[in-house]
Amino acid sequence: MNLIVFNFEMDENSKVLSHSVDWVNHLAEVFEKVFVITLREGEYRVKKNVEVYSLKRDSVNRIISFYLLAGVLFSIHRKNSISGYFVHMATAFVPVIYLFSKIFNQKILLWYAHKSTSLLLRVSSLMVYKIFTPSRKSYRLISSKVEFTGHGIDLNKFPLIREQTEKFRDFAIIGRISPIKNIDVAIKVFKIFEKEFPDVRLYIYGDAVDEKGKLYL
């Protein structure tokens, strides 16, 4: 079986989407071949059965990127038998993919994890076969297509340490700096906690990736 994956970025050094590379490599373990169509690419290491096509979104406008997308899809389908499509958040791809799914009688699977319920998401949701999301808060439309998966952690990258010290002294928040993460709420709660346990420390690991995040920081 061969799969086409659509995502925003293939870059191990990305501040937000570095995990996309891991997702592709895990999918490559269960498919004969994985074709990745991405908007941006940087540095990445993928398995031998993975091919990556970049639409170079940073250097072309949206209309041109749609033409490039259609061209890449035609090229892949001409040379390979495809089992289906997996879209990682990139709902803008779905209307174009939908045309190919009808021509080749294939299904589109969408992963979505965001509070936004844009018109594009609403339209895309009508076109896909299944929608995977961690929780009800990460996909807020009502649909029988939704499957709630929860969040997963790659224990090969973040191994579980079973040994614990007698007392917890350090806490950490890991993720991008953004209002949606409610880090200010965590800090306020920690200040209350600190009054009772003055030796504890809070570490925040992450970066602001846009202007809203920088202002929030």
N, C-alpha and C. Protein backbone atom coordinates (compact mmCIF):
# COMPACT_ATOMS: atom_id res chain seq x y z
N MET A 1 0.83 -1.20 0.00
CA MET A 1 0.00 0.00 0.00
C MET A 1 0.87 1.25 0.00
N ASN A 2 0.45 2.23 -0.75
CA ASN A 2 1.16 3.51 -0.84
C ASN A 2 0.27 4.64 -0.34
N LEU A 3 0.87 5.60 0.35
CA LEU A 3 0.12 6.69 0.97
C LEU A 3 0.70 8.04 0.55
N ILE A 4 -0.18 9.02 0.36
CA ILE A 4 0.26 10.40 0.14
C ILE A 4 -0.07 11.21 1.39
N VAL A 5 0.94 11.88 1.94
CA VAL A 5 0.79 12.70 3.14
C VAL A 5 0.91 14.17 2.76
N PHE A 6 0.06 14.99 3.32
CA PHE A 6 0.09 16.43 3.08
C PHE A 6 0.32 17.13 4.41
N ASN A 7 1.34 18.00 4.47
CA ASN A 7 1.58 18.74 5.71
C ASN A 7 2.13 20.13 5.42
N PHE A 8 2.29 20.91 6.48
CA PHE A 8 2.77 22.28 6.33
C PHE A 8 4.28 22.36 6.16
N GLU A 9 5.01 21.46 6.83
CA GLU A 9 6.46 21.64 6.88
C GLU A 9 7.16 20.32 7.15
N MET A 10 8.31 20.13 6.50
CA MET A 10 9.20 19.01 6.78
C MET A 10 10.54 19.60 7.19
N ASP A 11 10.75 19.73 8.49
CA ASP A 11 11.97 20.35 9.00
C ASP A 11 12.18 19.90 10.45
N GLU A 12 13.26 19.16 10.67
CA GLU A 12 13.55 18.67 12.02
C GLU A 12 13.85 19.80 13.00
N ASN A 13 14.21 20.98 12.47
CA ASN A 13 14.55 22.11 13.33
C ASN A 13 13.40 23.10 13.50
N SER A 14 12.24 22.75 12.98
CA SER A 14 11.08 23.63 13.11
C SER A 14 10.69 23.80 14.58
N LYS A 15 10.35 25.03 14.96
CA LYS A 15 9.96 25.30 16.35
C LYS A 15 8.57 24.75 16.68
N VAL A 16 7.76 24.51 15.66
CA VAL A 16 6.39 24.07 15.90
C VAL A 16 6.10 22.70 15.28
N LEU A 17 6.65 22.42 14.10
CA LEU A 17 6.23 21.25 13.34
C LEU A 17 7.33 20.21 13.11
N SER A 18 8.34 20.19 13.95
CA SER A 18 9.41 19.20 13.79
C SER A 18 8.88 17.77 13.88
N HIS A 19 7.77 17.58 14.64
CA HIS A 19 7.21 16.24 14.81
C HIS A 19 6.64 15.68 13.51
N SER A 20 6.39 16.54 12.50
CA SER A 20 5.86 16.06 11.22
C SER A 20 6.80 15.04 10.59
N VAL A 21 8.08 15.23 10.76
CA VAL A 21 9.07 14.30 10.22
C VAL A 21 8.93 12.93 10.90
N ASP A 22 8.74 12.93 12.21
CA ASP A 22 8.56 11.68 12.95
C ASP A 22 7.29 10.96 12.49
N TRP A 23 6.22 11.71 12.29
CA TRP A 23 4.96 11.11 11.84
C TRP A 23 5.16 10.40 10.50
N VAL A 24 5.86 11.07 9.58
CA VAL A 24 6.10 10.49 8.26
C VAL A 24 6.92 9.20 8.38
N ASN A 25 7.95 9.22 9.20
CA ASN A 25 8.80 8.03 9.35
C ASN A 25 8.04 6.88 9.99
N HIS A 26 7.14 7.17 10.92
CA HIS A 26 6.33 6.10 11.52
C HIS A 26 5.35 5.53 10.49
N LEU A 27 4.76 6.39 9.68
CA LEU A 27 3.86 5.90 8.63
C LEU A 27 4.62 5.04 7.62
N ALA A 28 5.87 5.40 7.36
CA ALA A 28 6.69 4.64 6.41
C ALA A 28 6.97 3.22 6.89
N GLU A 29 6.78 2.98 8.17
CA GLU A 29 6.99 1.64 8.72
C GLU A 29 5.85 0.69 8.37
N VAL A 30 4.69 1.24 8.03
CA VAL A 30 3.52 0.39 7.76
C VAL A 30 3.02 0.49 6.30
N PHE A 31 3.62 1.39 5.52
CA PHE A 31 3.28 1.50 4.10
C PHE A 31 4.49 1.18 3.25
N GLU A 32 4.23 0.63 2.07
CA GLU A 32 5.33 0.31 1.16
C GLU A 32 6.07 1.57 0.73
N LYS A 33 5.29 2.60 0.45
CA LYS A 33 5.89 3.86 0.03
C LYS A 33 5.03 5.02 0.54
N VAL A 34 5.70 6.08 0.96
CA VAL A 34 5.01 7.28 1.44
C VAL A 34 5.50 8.48 0.63
N PHE A 35 4.56 9.18 0.02
CA PHE A 35 4.86 10.40 -0.72
C PHE A 35 4.39 11.59 0.12
N VAL A 36 5.28 12.53 0.38
CA VAL A 36 4.95 13.69 1.21
C VAL A 36 4.91 14.93 0.34
N ILE A 37 3.79 15.64 0.39
CA ILE A 37 3.66 16.93 -0.28
C ILE A 37 3.58 17.98 0.81
N THR A 38 4.55 18.87 0.85
CA THR A 38 4.65 19.83 1.95
C THR A 38 4.77 21.26 1.42
N LEU A 39 4.36 22.22 2.24
CA LEU A 39 4.47 23.62 1.83
C LEU A 39 5.88 24.15 1.96
N ARG A 40 6.59 23.66 2.97
CA ARG A 40 7.96 24.14 3.21
C ARG A 40 8.84 22.97 3.62
N GLU A 41 10.10 23.03 3.23
CA GLU A 41 11.03 21.99 3.67
C GLU A 41 12.33 22.62 4.17
N GLY A 42 12.93 21.94 5.13
CA GLY A 42 14.22 22.35 5.68
C GLY A 42 15.10 21.12 5.77
N GLU A 43 15.69 20.91 6.93
CA GLU A 43 16.52 19.72 7.13
C GLU A 43 15.67 18.59 7.69
N TYR A 44 15.83 17.40 7.13
CA TYR A 44 15.08 16.25 7.64
C TYR A 44 15.76 14.95 7.20
N ARG A 45 15.53 13.91 7.97
CA ARG A 45 16.00 12.57 7.65
C ARG A 45 14.78 11.65 7.59
N VAL A 46 14.58 11.03 6.45
CA VAL A 46 13.42 10.15 6.28
C VAL A 46 13.88 8.77 5.82
N LYS A 47 12.99 7.81 5.96
CA LYS A 47 13.30 6.44 5.55
C LYS A 47 13.41 6.35 4.03
N LYS A 48 14.00 5.27 3.56
CA LYS A 48 14.28 5.11 2.13
C LYS A 48 13.02 5.05 1.28
N ASN A 49 11.92 4.64 1.88
CA ASN A 49 10.68 4.51 1.11
C ASN A 49 9.82 5.77 1.17
N VAL A 50 10.44 6.91 1.50
CA VAL A 50 9.73 8.19 1.58
C VAL A 50 10.26 9.14 0.50
N GLU A 51 9.35 9.76 -0.23
CA GLU A 51 9.71 10.80 -1.20
C GLU A 51 9.02 12.10 -0.79
N VAL A 52 9.77 13.20 -0.80
CA VAL A 52 9.23 14.49 -0.36
C VAL A 52 9.18 15.47 -1.53
N TYR A 53 8.03 16.10 -1.70
CA TYR A 53 7.84 17.12 -2.74
C TYR A 53 7.47 18.43 -2.05
N SER A 54 8.23 19.47 -2.28
CA SER A 54 7.95 20.77 -1.67
C SER A 54 7.28 21.71 -2.66
N LEU A 55 6.22 22.37 -2.20
CA LEU A 55 5.53 23.36 -3.03
C LEU A 55 6.14 24.75 -2.88
N LYS A 56 7.17 24.86 -2.02
CA LYS A 56 7.92 26.13 -1.86
C LYS A 56 6.97 27.30 -1.62
N ARG A 57 6.10 27.15 -0.65
CA ARG A 57 5.08 28.16 -0.38
C ARG A 57 5.67 29.53 -0.03
N ASP A 58 6.88 29.55 0.54
CA ASP A 58 7.49 30.83 0.92
C ASP A 58 7.89 31.67 -0.29
N SER A 59 8.03 31.02 -1.45
CA SER A 59 8.49 31.75 -2.63
C SER A 59 7.43 31.87 -3.73
N VAL A 60 6.26 31.22 -3.55
CA VAL A 60 5.19 31.32 -4.55
C VAL A 60 3.88 31.64 -3.84
N ASN A 61 2.92 32.21 -4.59
CA ASN A 61 1.64 32.54 -3.96
C ASN A 61 0.72 31.32 -3.93
N ARG A 62 -0.44 31.50 -3.29
CA ARG A 62 -1.34 30.37 -3.05
C ARG A 62 -1.85 29.76 -4.36
N ILE A 63 -2.20 30.58 -5.34
CA ILE A 63 -2.74 30.06 -6.60
C ILE A 63 -1.71 29.19 -7.30
N ILE A 64 -0.47 29.66 -7.35
CA ILE A 64 0.59 28.88 -7.99
C ILE A 64 0.83 27.59 -7.23
N SER A 65 0.75 27.63 -5.89
CA SER A 65 0.98 26.42 -5.10
C SER A 65 -0.10 25.38 -5.38
N PHE A 66 -1.34 25.81 -5.67
CA PHE A 66 -2.39 24.86 -6.01
C PHE A 66 -2.11 24.19 -7.36
N TYR A 67 -1.60 24.97 -8.31
CA TYR A 67 -1.22 24.38 -9.60
C TYR A 67 -0.08 23.37 -9.42
N LEU A 68 0.89 23.74 -8.58
CA LEU A 68 2.00 22.83 -8.31
C LEU A 68 1.50 21.55 -7.64
N LEU A 69 0.56 21.71 -6.72
CA LEU A 69 -0.01 20.56 -6.04
C LEU A 69 -0.66 19.60 -7.03
N ALA A 70 -1.49 20.15 -7.91
CA ALA A 70 -2.16 19.31 -8.90
C ALA A 70 -1.15 18.60 -9.79
N GLY A 71 -0.09 19.29 -10.18
CA GLY A 71 0.95 18.69 -11.02
C GLY A 71 1.66 17.56 -10.32
N VAL A 72 1.99 17.74 -9.04
CA VAL A 72 2.66 16.69 -8.28
C VAL A 72 1.75 15.48 -8.12
N LEU A 73 0.47 15.72 -7.84
CA LEU A 73 -0.47 14.61 -7.69
C LEU A 73 -0.62 13.81 -8.98
N PHE A 74 -0.71 14.50 -10.11
CA PHE A 74 -0.78 13.81 -11.39
C PHE A 74 0.46 12.95 -11.60
N SER A 75 1.63 13.50 -11.29
CA SER A 75 2.88 12.78 -11.47
C SER A 75 2.95 11.52 -10.61
N ILE A 76 2.54 11.65 -9.34
CA ILE A 76 2.58 10.50 -8.43
C ILE A 76 1.60 9.42 -8.88
N HIS A 77 0.39 9.82 -9.24
CA HIS A 77 -0.63 8.86 -9.64
C HIS A 77 -0.28 8.18 -10.97
N ARG A 78 0.42 8.86 -11.83
CA ARG A 78 0.78 8.29 -13.12
C ARG A 78 1.75 7.12 -12.97
N LYS A 79 2.57 7.16 -11.91
CA LYS A 79 3.62 6.15 -11.74
C LYS A 79 3.35 5.16 -10.62
N ASN A 80 2.34 5.45 -9.77
CA ASN A 80 2.14 4.62 -8.58
C ASN A 80 0.66 4.37 -8.32
N SER A 81 0.39 3.27 -7.66
CA SER A 81 -0.96 2.97 -7.19
C SER A 81 -1.07 3.49 -5.76
N ILE A 82 -2.01 4.38 -5.51
CA ILE A 82 -2.13 5.03 -4.21
C ILE A 82 -3.33 4.48 -3.45
N SER A 83 -3.14 4.24 -2.15
CA SER A 83 -4.21 3.67 -1.32
C SER A 83 -5.10 4.75 -0.70
N GLY A 84 -4.53 5.94 -0.45
CA GLY A 84 -5.33 6.99 0.17
C GLY A 84 -4.48 8.20 0.50
N TYR A 85 -5.12 9.17 1.17
CA TYR A 85 -4.47 10.44 1.49
C TYR A 85 -4.59 10.72 2.99
N PHE A 86 -3.52 11.24 3.57
CA PHE A 86 -3.55 11.67 4.97
C PHE A 86 -3.13 13.13 5.03
N VAL A 87 -4.03 13.97 5.54
CA VAL A 87 -3.80 15.41 5.59
C VAL A 87 -3.54 15.81 7.03
N HIS A 88 -2.35 16.33 7.30
CA HIS A 88 -1.99 16.76 8.65
C HIS A 88 -2.23 18.26 8.77
N MET A 89 -3.41 18.64 9.24
CA MET A 89 -3.79 20.03 9.50
C MET A 89 -4.00 20.89 8.25
N ALA A 90 -3.39 20.55 7.16
CA ALA A 90 -3.36 21.43 5.98
C ALA A 90 -4.68 21.36 5.21
N THR A 91 -5.73 21.94 5.78
CA THR A 91 -7.06 21.86 5.18
C THR A 91 -7.14 22.56 3.82
N ALA A 92 -6.25 23.50 3.56
CA ALA A 92 -6.27 24.19 2.26
C ALA A 92 -6.02 23.23 1.10
N PHE A 93 -5.36 22.10 1.38
CA PHE A 93 -5.11 21.11 0.34
C PHE A 93 -6.38 20.35 -0.05
N VAL A 94 -7.31 20.22 0.88
CA VAL A 94 -8.39 19.24 0.74
C VAL A 94 -9.24 19.43 -0.52
N PRO A 95 -9.69 20.65 -0.89
CA PRO A 95 -10.51 20.77 -2.09
C PRO A 95 -9.83 20.24 -3.35
N VAL A 96 -8.52 20.45 -3.47
CA VAL A 96 -7.79 19.92 -4.64
C VAL A 96 -7.68 18.41 -4.55
N ILE A 97 -7.34 17.90 -3.35
CA ILE A 97 -7.21 16.46 -3.16
C ILE A 97 -8.54 15.76 -3.44
N TYR A 98 -9.62 16.41 -3.06
CA TYR A 98 -10.95 15.82 -3.20
C TYR A 98 -11.24 15.43 -4.66
N LEU A 99 -10.83 16.26 -5.59
CA LEU A 99 -11.03 15.95 -7.00
C LEU A 99 -10.32 14.65 -7.38
N PHE A 100 -9.09 14.49 -6.89
CA PHE A 100 -8.34 13.27 -7.18
C PHE A 100 -8.95 12.06 -6.47
N SER A 101 -9.46 12.29 -5.26
CA SER A 101 -10.06 11.17 -4.52
C SER A 101 -11.29 10.63 -5.25
N LYS A 102 -12.01 11.50 -5.93
CA LYS A 102 -13.17 11.06 -6.69
C LYS A 102 -12.77 10.34 -7.98
N ILE A 103 -11.74 10.87 -8.61
CA ILE A 103 -11.27 10.25 -9.86
C ILE A 103 -10.72 8.84 -9.60
N PHE A 104 -9.95 8.70 -8.51
CA PHE A 104 -9.28 7.43 -8.24
C PHE A 104 -9.97 6.60 -7.15
N ASN A 105 -11.14 7.07 -6.71
CA ASN A 105 -11.93 6.34 -5.72
C ASN A 105 -11.12 6.04 -4.45
N GLN A 106 -10.60 7.08 -3.84
CA GLN A 106 -9.77 6.95 -2.64
C GLN A 106 -10.33 7.80 -1.51
N LYS A 107 -9.90 7.51 -0.30
CA LYS A 107 -10.40 8.21 0.87
C LYS A 107 -9.38 9.21 1.40
N ILE A 108 -9.89 10.30 1.98
CA ILE A 108 -9.05 11.32 2.60
C ILE A 108 -9.24 11.25 4.11
N LEU A 109 -8.14 11.14 4.84
CA LEU A 109 -8.15 11.18 6.30
C LEU A 109 -7.52 12.48 6.76
N LEU A 110 -8.18 13.16 7.68
CA LEU A 110 -7.70 14.47 8.14
C LEU A 110 -7.36 14.40 9.63
N TRP A 111 -6.17 14.91 9.97
CA TRP A 111 -5.82 15.15 11.37
C TRP A 111 -5.98 16.64 11.64
N TYR A 112 -6.75 16.99 12.68
CA TYR A 112 -6.96 18.40 12.98
C TYR A 112 -6.95 18.60 14.49
N ALA A 113 -6.19 19.59 14.95
CA ALA A 113 -6.10 19.88 16.38
C ALA A 113 -5.95 21.38 16.58
N HIS A 114 -7.08 22.07 16.58
CA HIS A 114 -7.07 23.53 16.77
C HIS A 114 -8.48 23.98 17.12
N LYS A 115 -8.59 25.08 17.86
CA LYS A 115 -9.91 25.58 18.25
C LYS A 115 -10.64 26.29 17.11
N SER A 116 -9.92 26.70 16.06
CA SER A 116 -10.53 27.43 14.95
C SER A 116 -11.54 26.55 14.20
N THR A 117 -12.68 27.15 13.83
CA THR A 117 -13.69 26.45 13.03
C THR A 117 -13.98 27.28 11.77
N SER A 118 -12.97 27.49 10.98
CA SER A 118 -13.07 28.35 9.80
C SER A 118 -13.98 27.74 8.75
N LEU A 119 -14.37 28.58 7.78
CA LEU A 119 -15.18 28.10 6.66
C LEU A 119 -14.44 27.01 5.90
N LEU A 120 -13.12 27.18 5.73
CA LEU A 120 -12.32 26.18 5.03
C LEU A 120 -12.38 24.83 5.74
N LEU A 121 -12.32 24.85 7.06
CA LEU A 121 -12.42 23.60 7.81
C LEU A 121 -13.81 22.97 7.61
N ARG A 122 -14.84 23.78 7.63
CA ARG A 122 -16.20 23.27 7.48
C ARG A 122 -16.38 22.60 6.11
N VAL A 123 -15.84 23.25 5.07
CA VAL A 123 -15.93 22.69 3.72
C VAL A 123 -15.10 21.41 3.62
N SER A 124 -13.88 21.46 4.14
CA SER A 124 -12.99 20.30 4.08
C SER A 124 -13.57 19.11 4.81
N SER A 125 -14.24 19.38 5.93
CA SER A 125 -14.83 18.30 6.73
C SER A 125 -15.90 17.53 5.95
N LEU A 126 -16.57 18.21 5.03
CA LEU A 126 -17.57 17.54 4.20
C LEU A 126 -16.92 16.62 3.16
N MET A 127 -15.68 16.91 2.82
CA MET A 127 -15.00 16.19 1.74
C MET A 127 -14.19 14.98 2.20
N VAL A 128 -13.83 14.95 3.48
CA VAL A 128 -12.96 13.87 3.96
C VAL A 128 -13.78 12.69 4.47
N TYR A 129 -13.14 11.54 4.58
CA TYR A 129 -13.79 10.32 5.04
C TYR A 129 -13.80 10.24 6.57
N LYS A 130 -12.66 10.56 7.19
CA LYS A 130 -12.53 10.52 8.65
C LYS A 130 -11.74 11.72 9.14
N ILE A 131 -12.04 12.15 10.38
CA ILE A 131 -11.32 13.26 11.01
C ILE A 131 -10.78 12.76 12.35
N PHE A 132 -9.48 12.82 12.53
CA PHE A 132 -8.86 12.41 13.77
C PHE A 132 -8.44 13.64 14.56
N THR A 133 -8.71 13.63 15.86
CA THR A 133 -8.40 14.79 16.70
C THR A 133 -8.20 14.30 18.13
N PRO A 134 -7.37 15.00 18.92
CA PRO A 134 -7.12 14.55 20.29
C PRO A 134 -8.34 14.60 21.20
N SER A 135 -9.15 15.67 21.10
CA SER A 135 -10.27 15.84 22.03
C SER A 135 -11.35 16.70 21.40
N ARG A 136 -12.47 16.86 22.11
CA ARG A 136 -13.56 17.69 21.60
C ARG A 136 -13.16 19.16 21.47
N LYS A 137 -12.23 19.61 22.30
CA LYS A 137 -11.79 21.00 22.24
C LYS A 137 -10.86 21.26 21.06
N SER A 138 -10.28 20.22 20.48
CA SER A 138 -9.36 20.41 19.37
C SER A 138 -10.03 20.27 18.00
N TYR A 139 -11.31 19.85 18.00
CA TYR A 139 -12.13 19.88 16.79
C TYR A 139 -13.56 20.16 17.25
N ARG A 140 -14.04 21.38 17.02
CA ARG A 140 -15.26 21.85 17.69
C ARG A 140 -16.52 21.77 16.83
N LEU A 141 -16.41 21.17 15.67
CA LEU A 141 -17.59 20.96 14.85
C LEU A 141 -18.23 19.61 15.22
N ILE A 142 -19.52 19.50 14.98
CA ILE A 142 -20.22 18.24 15.24
C ILE A 142 -20.23 17.41 13.96
N SER A 143 -19.67 16.21 14.03
CA SER A 143 -19.61 15.36 12.85
C SER A 143 -19.49 13.90 13.25
N SER A 144 -20.18 13.04 12.53
CA SER A 144 -20.09 11.60 12.78
C SER A 144 -18.76 11.02 12.27
N LYS A 145 -18.01 11.84 11.55
CA LYS A 145 -16.73 11.38 11.00
C LYS A 145 -15.59 11.44 12.02
N VAL A 146 -15.81 12.10 13.14
CA VAL A 146 -14.73 12.38 14.08
C VAL A 146 -14.36 11.15 14.91
N GLU A 147 -13.04 10.94 15.05
CA GLU A 147 -12.51 9.91 15.94
C GLU A 147 -11.58 10.61 16.94
N PHE A 148 -11.86 10.47 18.24
CA PHE A 148 -11.02 11.09 19.26
C PHE A 148 -9.90 10.13 19.64
N THR A 149 -8.68 10.58 19.46
CA THR A 149 -7.53 9.69 19.62
C THR A 149 -6.72 9.94 20.89
N GLY A 150 -6.87 11.13 21.49
CA GLY A 150 -5.97 11.50 22.57
C GLY A 150 -4.61 11.88 22.02
N HIS A 151 -3.72 12.34 22.89
CA HIS A 151 -2.37 12.69 22.48
C HIS A 151 -1.42 11.52 22.72
N GLY A 152 -0.40 11.43 21.90
CA GLY A 152 0.60 10.38 22.07
C GLY A 152 1.98 10.97 22.30
N ILE A 153 2.82 10.21 22.97
CA ILE A 153 4.22 10.60 23.21
C ILE A 153 5.12 9.51 22.68
N ASP A 154 6.10 9.89 21.88
CA ASP A 154 7.08 8.94 21.34
C ASP A 154 8.06 8.59 22.46
N LEU A 155 7.91 7.41 23.03
CA LEU A 155 8.75 7.03 24.16
C LEU A 155 10.18 6.69 23.75
N ASN A 156 10.43 6.57 22.45
CA ASN A 156 11.81 6.41 21.99
C ASN A 156 12.58 7.73 22.10
N LYS A 157 11.85 8.83 21.93
CA LYS A 157 12.48 10.15 22.05
C LYS A 157 12.39 10.69 23.47
N PHE A 158 11.30 10.34 24.15
CA PHE A 158 11.08 10.82 25.51
C PHE A 158 10.81 9.61 26.42
N PRO A 159 11.86 8.89 26.77
CA PRO A 159 11.68 7.66 27.55
C PRO A 159 11.12 7.94 28.94
N LEU A 160 10.32 7.00 29.42
CA LEU A 160 9.72 7.10 30.74
C LEU A 160 10.76 6.74 31.80
N ILE A 161 10.99 7.63 32.74
CA ILE A 161 11.91 7.38 33.84
C ILE A 161 11.09 7.01 35.06
N ARG A 162 11.17 5.77 35.47
CA ARG A 162 10.33 5.29 36.56
C ARG A 162 10.86 5.67 37.93
N GLU A 163 12.17 5.89 38.03
CA GLU A 163 12.73 6.26 39.32
C GLU A 163 12.33 7.69 39.66
N GLN A 164 11.84 7.89 40.84
CA GLN A 164 11.40 9.21 41.26
C GLN A 164 12.07 9.58 42.58
N THR A 165 12.39 10.83 42.71
CA THR A 165 12.94 11.30 43.98
C THR A 165 11.83 11.34 45.02
N GLU A 166 12.20 11.45 46.27
CA GLU A 166 11.22 11.42 47.35
C GLU A 166 10.26 12.60 47.26
N LYS A 167 10.78 13.76 46.83
CA LYS A 167 9.96 14.95 46.70
C LYS A 167 10.12 15.58 45.32
N PHE A 168 9.04 16.03 44.75
CA PHE A 168 9.10 16.75 43.48
C PHE A 168 9.50 18.20 43.77
N ARG A 169 10.53 18.66 43.07
CA ARG A 169 10.97 20.04 43.28
C ARG A 169 10.89 20.87 42.00
N ASP A 170 10.93 20.21 40.86
CA ASP A 170 10.97 20.93 39.60
C ASP A 170 9.76 20.57 38.74
N PHE A 171 9.20 21.59 38.10
CA PHE A 171 8.11 21.41 37.15
C PHE A 171 8.50 22.09 35.84
N ALA A 172 7.98 21.59 34.74
CA ALA A 172 8.35 22.15 33.43
C ALA A 172 7.12 22.27 32.54
N ILE A 173 7.09 23.35 31.78
CA ILE A 173 6.12 23.54 30.70
C ILE A 173 6.91 23.53 29.40
N ILE A 174 6.54 22.63 28.49
CA ILE A 174 7.27 22.48 27.23
C ILE A 174 6.31 22.72 26.07
N GLY A 175 6.61 23.70 25.24
CA GLY A 175 5.76 23.99 24.10
C GLY A 175 5.97 25.41 23.61
N ARG A 176 5.25 25.77 22.55
CA ARG A 176 5.43 27.11 22.02
C ARG A 176 4.79 28.14 22.96
N ILE A 177 5.35 29.34 22.93
CA ILE A 177 4.83 30.43 23.75
C ILE A 177 3.69 31.09 22.98
N SER A 178 2.47 30.94 23.49
CA SER A 178 1.30 31.45 22.78
C SER A 178 0.16 31.64 23.78
N PRO A 179 -0.69 32.65 23.57
CA PRO A 179 -1.84 32.85 24.47
C PRO A 179 -2.72 31.61 24.60
N ILE A 180 -2.83 30.84 23.52
CA ILE A 180 -3.70 29.66 23.53
C ILE A 180 -3.22 28.61 24.53
N LYS A 181 -1.94 28.68 24.91
CA LYS A 181 -1.37 27.70 25.85
C LYS A 181 -1.64 28.05 27.31
N ASN A 182 -2.14 29.26 27.56
CA ASN A 182 -2.48 29.68 28.93
C ASN A 182 -1.31 29.55 29.91
N ILE A 183 -0.13 29.91 29.46
CA ILE A 183 1.04 29.81 30.32
C ILE A 183 0.94 30.80 31.49
N ASP A 184 0.30 31.94 31.25
CA ASP A 184 0.13 32.92 32.34
C ASP A 184 -0.71 32.35 33.47
N VAL A 185 -1.68 31.52 33.14
CA VAL A 185 -2.50 30.88 34.16
C VAL A 185 -1.66 29.90 34.98
N ALA A 186 -0.79 29.14 34.29
CA ALA A 186 0.08 28.20 34.97
C ALA A 186 1.02 28.92 35.94
N ILE A 187 1.53 30.08 35.52
CA ILE A 187 2.44 30.85 36.38
C ILE A 187 1.71 31.35 37.62
N LYS A 188 0.47 31.82 37.44
CA LYS A 188 -0.31 32.29 38.59
C LYS A 188 -0.58 31.16 39.58
N VAL A 189 -0.92 29.98 39.04
CA VAL A 189 -1.16 28.82 39.89
C VAL A 189 0.11 28.41 40.62
N PHE A 190 1.23 28.46 39.89
CA PHE A 190 2.51 28.08 40.49
C PHE A 190 2.89 29.02 41.64
N LYS A 191 2.58 30.29 41.49
CA LYS A 191 2.90 31.26 42.56
C LYS A 191 2.15 30.92 43.84
N ILE A 192 0.91 30.45 43.69
CA ILE A 192 0.14 30.01 44.87
C ILE A 192 0.79 28.76 45.47
N PHE A 193 1.16 27.84 44.60
CA PHE A 193 1.80 26.60 45.04
C PHE A 193 3.13 26.87 45.74
N GLU A 194 3.85 27.88 45.24
CA GLU A 194 5.17 28.22 45.76
C GLU A 194 5.11 28.72 47.21
N LYS A 195 4.00 29.34 47.59
CA LYS A 195 3.86 29.83 48.97
C LYS A 195 3.89 28.67 49.96
N GLU A 196 3.35 27.53 49.54
CA GLU A 196 3.31 26.35 50.40
C GLU A 196 4.61 25.55 50.32
N PHE A 197 5.22 25.56 49.11
CA PHE A 197 6.45 24.79 48.88
C PHE A 197 7.49 25.72 48.25
N PRO A 198 8.19 26.50 49.04
CA PRO A 198 9.10 27.54 48.52
C PRO A 198 10.32 27.00 47.76
N ASP A 199 10.62 25.71 47.88
CA ASP A 199 11.82 25.16 47.21
C ASP A 199 11.55 24.73 45.76
N VAL A 200 10.31 24.74 45.34
CA VAL A 200 10.01 24.24 44.00
C VAL A 200 10.39 25.27 42.94
N ARG A 201 10.61 24.78 41.72
CA ARG A 201 10.97 25.66 40.60
C ARG A 201 10.11 25.32 39.40
N LEU A 202 9.84 26.33 38.59
CA LEU A 202 9.09 26.14 37.35
C LEU A 202 9.99 26.53 36.18
N TYR A 203 10.15 25.62 35.23
CA TYR A 203 10.94 25.87 34.02
C TYR A 203 9.99 25.91 32.82
N ILE A 204 10.19 26.89 31.97
CA ILE A 204 9.39 27.02 30.76
C ILE A 204 10.31 26.90 29.56
N TYR A 205 10.09 25.87 28.74
CA TYR A 205 10.91 25.62 27.56
C TYR A 205 10.04 25.83 26.32
N GLY A 206 10.44 26.76 25.47
CA GLY A 206 9.68 27.01 24.26
C GLY A 206 10.08 28.33 23.64
N ASP A 207 9.39 28.69 22.58
CA ASP A 207 9.72 29.93 21.88
C ASP A 207 8.45 30.52 21.30
N ALA A 208 8.45 31.83 21.13
CA ALA A 208 7.34 32.52 20.47
C ALA A 208 7.59 32.50 18.96
N VAL A 209 6.63 31.95 18.21
CA VAL A 209 6.85 31.75 16.78
C VAL A 209 6.13 32.78 15.91
N ASP A 210 5.34 33.66 16.54
CA ASP A 210 4.66 34.70 15.76
C ASP A 210 4.54 35.96 16.62
N GLU A 211 3.98 37.02 16.05
CA GLU A 211 3.90 38.31 16.76
C GLU A 211 3.01 38.20 18.00
N LYS A 212 1.92 37.46 17.91
CA LYS A 212 1.06 37.29 19.09
C LYS A 212 1.83 36.63 20.23
N GLY A 213 2.63 35.65 19.89
CA GLY A 213 3.43 34.96 20.88
C GLY A 213 4.48 35.86 21.49
N LYS A 214 5.09 36.70 20.66
CA LYS A 214 6.13 37.61 21.17
C LYS A 214 5.54 38.66 22.11
N LEU A 215 4.35 39.18 21.76
CA LEU A 215 3.68 40.14 22.63
C LEU A 215 3.26 39.46 23.94
N TYR A 216 2.81 38.23 23.84
CA TYR A 216 2.40 37.46 25.01
C TYR A 216 3.58 37.21 25.94
N LEU A 217 4.75 36.95 25.32
CA LEU A 217 5.97 36.71 26.10
C LEU A 217 6.40 37.96 26.85
